[in-house]
Protein backbone atom coordinates (compact mmCIF):
# COMPACT_ATOMS: atom_id res chain seq x y z
CA MET A 1 -19.65 179.30 112.06
CA ALA A 2 -19.24 176.05 110.23
CA SER A 3 -22.18 174.85 108.48
CA GLY A 4 -23.44 171.78 109.00
CA ASN A 5 -25.25 171.29 105.34
CA ASP A 6 -23.27 169.91 102.73
CA GLY A 7 -21.59 172.47 100.99
CA ASP A 8 -19.12 172.76 103.92
CA THR A 9 -15.31 173.20 103.36
CA THR A 10 -12.51 171.04 105.29
CA ASN A 11 -9.25 171.98 105.28
CA GLY A 12 -9.68 173.98 102.00
CA SER A 13 -10.96 170.71 100.19
CA GLN A 14 -14.49 170.62 98.62
CA THR A 15 -17.12 167.74 99.02
CA THR A 16 -20.19 167.18 96.95
CA GLY A 17 -23.62 166.70 98.34
CA SER A 18 -23.40 162.56 97.14
CA GLY A 19 -20.34 162.36 99.43
CA LEU A 20 -17.77 161.72 96.52
CA ALA A 21 -14.35 161.98 97.34
CA PRO A 22 -12.72 165.64 97.98
CA MET A 23 -11.70 167.67 95.16
CA LEU A 24 -8.62 169.66 94.41
CA PRO A 25 -8.97 173.49 94.78
CA THR A 26 -9.75 175.23 91.87
CA HIS A 27 -6.70 177.48 92.12
CA LEU A 28 -4.52 174.56 92.00
CA VAL A 29 -6.26 173.28 88.76
CA SER A 30 -5.12 174.82 85.26
CA GLN A 31 -8.12 174.50 82.39
CA ASN A 32 -5.20 174.72 79.78
CA VAL A 33 -2.79 171.86 80.95
CA ALA A 34 -2.76 168.47 79.34
CA ALA A 35 -1.36 165.62 80.85
CA PRO A 36 1.97 165.48 79.91
CA SER A 37 2.61 162.63 77.23
CA MET A 38 5.76 161.75 74.39
CA VAL A 39 4.36 162.54 71.17
CA PRO A 40 6.03 160.07 68.64
CA VAL A 41 8.31 161.65 66.01
CA ASN A 42 8.45 160.12 62.43
CA HIS A 43 11.92 159.87 61.81
CA VAL A 44 11.31 161.03 58.19
CA GLU A 45 10.44 164.36 59.79
CA LYS A 46 12.57 167.37 60.72
CA LEU A 47 12.71 167.17 64.77
CA GLU A 48 12.20 170.56 66.26
CA LYS A 49 15.13 172.65 67.02
CA ILE A 50 16.27 173.17 71.05
CA ASN A 51 15.84 176.75 72.12
CA GLY A 52 16.05 176.42 75.88
CA LEU A 53 12.52 176.39 76.74
CA ASN A 54 11.28 173.12 75.09
CA PHE A 55 14.49 170.70 76.48
CA LYS A 56 11.88 168.51 78.11
CA ARG A 57 9.99 167.49 75.09
CA TRP A 58 12.96 168.03 73.04
CA ARG A 59 14.78 165.52 74.95
CA GLN A 60 11.61 162.95 74.70
CA ASN A 61 11.51 163.21 70.82
CA MET A 62 14.92 162.96 70.40
CA LEU A 63 15.17 159.63 72.34
CA PHE A 64 12.05 158.19 70.48
CA TYR A 65 13.82 159.00 67.17
CA LEU A 66 17.36 157.68 68.17
CA THR A 67 15.49 154.65 69.30
CA THR A 68 13.64 154.01 66.05
CA LEU A 69 17.46 154.23 64.36
CA ASP A 70 18.60 152.12 66.65
CA LEU A 71 21.11 154.48 67.88
CA ALA A 72 19.94 155.44 71.09
CA ARG A 73 23.04 153.31 72.60
CA PHE A 74 25.32 155.81 71.88
CA LEU A 75 23.96 158.25 74.39
CA THR A 76 24.99 155.72 77.20
CA GLU A 77 27.98 153.97 75.83
CA ASN A 78 31.49 155.25 77.37
CA ALA A 79 34.24 156.27 74.52
CA SER A 80 36.38 153.25 73.45
CA THR A 81 39.98 152.85 73.48
CA LEU A 82 42.26 151.77 70.98
CA SER A 83 44.44 148.84 71.94
CA VAL A 84 47.60 147.19 70.66
CA GLY A 85 46.28 145.36 67.20
CA GLU A 86 43.47 147.89 66.69
CA SER A 87 42.58 148.59 62.66
CA ASP A 88 44.67 151.94 61.24
CA VAL A 89 41.18 153.10 60.39
CA GLN A 90 40.44 153.17 63.73
CA ALA A 91 43.21 154.95 64.67
CA LEU A 92 43.42 157.54 61.92
CA SER A 93 39.77 158.46 63.01
CA VAL A 94 41.15 160.03 66.25
CA GLY A 95 41.86 163.10 66.42
CA PHE A 96 39.60 164.77 63.79
CA LYS A 97 36.79 167.38 65.09
CA THR A 98 34.57 167.13 62.13
CA THR A 99 33.30 164.42 59.82
CA LYS A 100 34.66 166.24 56.77
CA GLU A 101 38.07 166.30 58.35
CA LEU A 102 37.94 162.58 58.52
CA TRP A 103 36.71 161.98 55.24
CA GLU A 104 39.32 163.98 53.45
CA SER A 105 42.19 162.36 55.37
CA LEU A 106 40.63 158.67 54.40
CA ASP A 107 40.48 159.82 51.02
CA ARG A 108 44.30 160.70 50.85
CA LYS A 109 45.34 157.92 52.78
CA TYR A 110 43.83 155.12 50.44
CA LYS A 111 44.11 156.67 47.28
CA SER A 112 47.88 156.77 47.82
CA GLU A 113 47.58 152.92 48.61
CA ASP A 114 45.53 152.15 45.65
CA ALA A 115 47.75 153.64 43.33
CA GLY A 116 50.80 151.32 44.77
CA ALA A 117 47.98 148.55 44.38
CA LYS A 118 47.74 149.22 40.75
CA LYS A 119 51.38 149.11 40.20
CA PHE A 120 51.57 145.75 41.78
CA LEU A 121 49.02 144.49 39.86
CA VAL A 122 50.48 145.76 36.57
CA GLY A 123 53.96 144.24 37.80
CA ARG A 124 52.35 140.74 38.35
CA PHE A 125 50.74 140.85 34.74
CA LEU A 126 54.18 141.88 33.12
CA ASP A 127 55.98 138.68 34.88
CA PHE A 128 53.37 136.47 34.18
CA LYS A 129 54.43 133.34 32.22
CA MET A 130 53.06 129.77 30.96
CA VAL A 131 55.04 126.79 31.55
CA ASP A 132 54.72 123.42 29.84
CA SER A 133 54.65 121.51 32.95
CA ARG A 134 51.04 122.41 34.01
CA THR A 135 47.82 122.39 31.84
CA VAL A 136 47.25 125.38 30.02
CA MET A 137 43.66 125.85 30.58
CA SER A 138 44.44 126.40 34.28
CA GLN A 139 47.17 129.09 33.79
CA VAL A 140 44.88 130.62 30.89
CA GLN A 141 42.34 131.07 33.99
CA GLU A 142 44.51 132.22 36.27
CA LEU A 143 45.71 135.38 34.00
CA GLN A 144 41.59 135.77 33.13
CA VAL A 145 41.55 136.29 36.80
CA LEU A 146 44.57 138.88 36.80
CA LEU A 147 43.09 140.98 34.00
CA HIS A 148 39.75 141.22 35.66
CA GLU A 149 41.46 142.72 38.90
CA ILE A 150 43.23 145.19 36.66
CA GLN A 151 39.95 146.35 35.19
CA VAL A 152 38.45 146.63 38.80
CA GLU A 153 41.22 148.99 39.67
CA GLY A 154 39.93 151.18 36.89
CA MET A 155 42.24 150.36 34.04
CA ALA A 156 40.57 149.50 30.80
CA LEU A 157 41.40 146.55 28.97
CA SER A 158 39.74 145.93 25.47
CA GLU A 159 38.62 142.67 24.84
CA SER A 160 41.06 142.31 21.82
CA PHE A 161 43.87 143.37 23.95
CA GLN A 162 43.04 140.63 26.21
CA VAL A 163 43.04 137.99 23.65
CA ALA A 164 46.31 139.07 22.09
CA VAL A 165 47.65 138.86 25.97
CA VAL A 166 46.59 135.22 26.13
CA ILE A 167 48.16 134.27 22.95
CA GLU A 168 51.74 136.20 23.43
CA LYS A 169 51.77 134.44 26.88
CA LEU A 170 50.94 130.67 25.76
CA PRO A 171 54.01 128.27 27.00
CA PRO A 172 57.11 127.46 24.54
CA GLY A 173 55.52 123.80 23.61
CA TRP A 174 52.88 125.71 21.98
CA LYS A 175 54.95 127.86 19.96
CA ASP A 176 53.02 126.25 16.52
CA PHE A 177 49.93 126.95 17.41
CA LYS A 178 50.77 130.39 18.66
CA ASN A 179 51.75 131.24 15.33
CA TYR A 180 48.68 129.60 13.79
CA LEU A 181 46.55 132.01 15.91
CA LYS A 182 48.77 135.23 15.54
CA HIS A 183 48.12 134.52 11.65
CA LYS A 184 44.45 134.25 11.89
CA ARG A 185 42.97 137.26 9.90
CA LYS A 186 39.55 136.89 11.69
CA GLU A 187 39.61 138.82 14.87
CA MET A 188 38.90 136.45 17.88
CA ILE A 189 36.79 137.21 21.24
CA MET A 190 37.80 135.61 24.71
CA GLU A 191 35.32 132.91 24.22
CA ASP A 192 36.63 131.60 20.66
CA LEU A 193 40.24 131.70 22.06
CA ILE A 194 39.27 129.71 24.93
CA VAL A 195 37.62 126.99 22.92
CA ASN A 196 40.47 126.69 20.44
CA VAL A 197 42.99 125.98 23.64
CA MET A 198 40.57 123.79 24.95
CA GLU A 199 40.43 121.89 21.74
CA GLN A 200 44.10 122.03 21.30
CA GLU A 201 44.93 120.84 24.78
CA GLN A 202 42.59 117.79 24.60
CA SER A 203 44.37 116.73 21.20
CA SER A 204 47.66 116.78 22.35
CA LYS A 205 46.44 114.60 25.56
CA ASN A 206 45.23 112.13 23.12
CA LYS A 207 48.42 112.04 20.71
CA LYS A 208 50.53 111.49 23.59
CA GLY A 209 48.17 108.57 24.99
CA LYS A 210 48.63 106.99 21.37
CA LYS A 211 52.41 107.09 21.57
CA LYS A 212 52.33 105.29 25.27
CA LEU A 213 50.52 102.82 24.02
CA GLY A 214 52.45 101.97 20.93
CA THR A 215 51.68 100.43 17.65
CA ASN A 216 49.13 97.71 18.55
CA GLY A 217 47.56 100.62 20.32
CA GLY A 218 47.23 98.85 23.76
CA VAL A 219 45.85 95.66 22.34
CA PHE A 220 47.95 92.90 24.30
CA LYS A 221 49.08 89.92 22.09
CA PRO A 222 50.13 86.50 24.09
CA LYS A 223 53.60 85.17 23.08
CA PHE A 224 53.63 82.37 20.54
CA GLN A 225 53.82 78.98 22.38
CA GLY A 226 54.47 76.78 19.57
CA LYS A 227 57.52 75.41 17.35
CA CYS A 228 59.21 77.17 14.89
CA PHE A 229 59.13 75.35 11.58
CA ASN A 230 62.50 76.27 10.76
CA CYS A 231 64.53 75.69 13.50
CA ASP A 232 62.07 73.78 15.72
CA LYS A 233 62.71 75.94 18.75
CA LYS A 234 59.57 77.37 20.97
CA GLY A 235 58.55 80.48 21.56
CA HIS A 236 58.80 82.04 17.82
CA ARG A 237 57.38 81.54 14.49
CA SER A 238 59.22 80.84 11.50
CA ALA A 239 58.03 84.36 9.91
CA ASP A 240 59.96 85.85 12.97
CA TYR A 241 63.04 83.86 12.07
CA ARG A 242 65.87 85.96 11.04
CA LEU A 243 68.69 83.52 9.94
CA PRO A 244 68.43 82.28 6.27
CA LYS A 245 65.57 79.31 6.50
CA ARG A 246 66.74 75.61 5.95
CA LYS A 247 65.95 73.71 2.94
CA LYS A 248 63.28 71.07 3.55
CA ASP A 249 64.42 67.29 3.37
CA HIS A 250 61.78 66.52 0.58
CA GLU A 251 63.40 69.63 -1.41
CA ALA A 252 67.20 68.71 -0.59
CA ASN A 253 66.47 65.37 -2.10
CA VAL A 254 64.75 66.49 -5.31
CA VAL A 255 68.00 68.55 -5.91
CA ASN A 256 70.41 65.75 -5.29
CA GLU A 257 68.21 63.67 -7.84
CA MET A 258 68.41 66.21 -10.36
CA ALA A 259 72.44 66.59 -10.09
């Protein structure tokens, strides 16, 4: 028979004597099961390997791990397709099953291209010639850039070699200065050579400027406006008169009287 006290059970549920909400049956409650939660994983720590029994927890930890590395988007993105104009690197990466295979393929491809680039640089270096129609310093700077590119490609060039190259490639108009530098006994560094070239180029500019100005050094002298004492004509002095100077009247009279 049903009892009317506070300990009655209705539909398998229990109520407390204080009239609280019904409690779940004890056979449905596990004392050892905790509420599910996603445990943060430090991306430095090693993730637990999946063994088939812990997939749900492993999936949550893996998703959190990839999110911290900003890689979770790759779980939902579709594979990209190469279109016309895509880079050779992307096209080359298709078809490899392992990173090792891709790495070795890239290594072979670009090592051979590097060898071709080195030969091209050496060819440019050998063909480089300076001309008199351009400033020497601008051409020296271009040659320095070329020498630097050669060194970047792994071909070592000593400083003494670079200095000798710059001297040898000076333009034809600098032949005397080139010989002067070649016969210097003290070995120069590149910085000293640049200073010498700059000074020589500035000196050459100054000499050309003086030639253009003429013997008067560019000073304008107004034309003489008076009469010549010798011929009485305007526009020149008697000192500039090339014909024999005429004798003055009083000098002529004295000569006649003496005669």
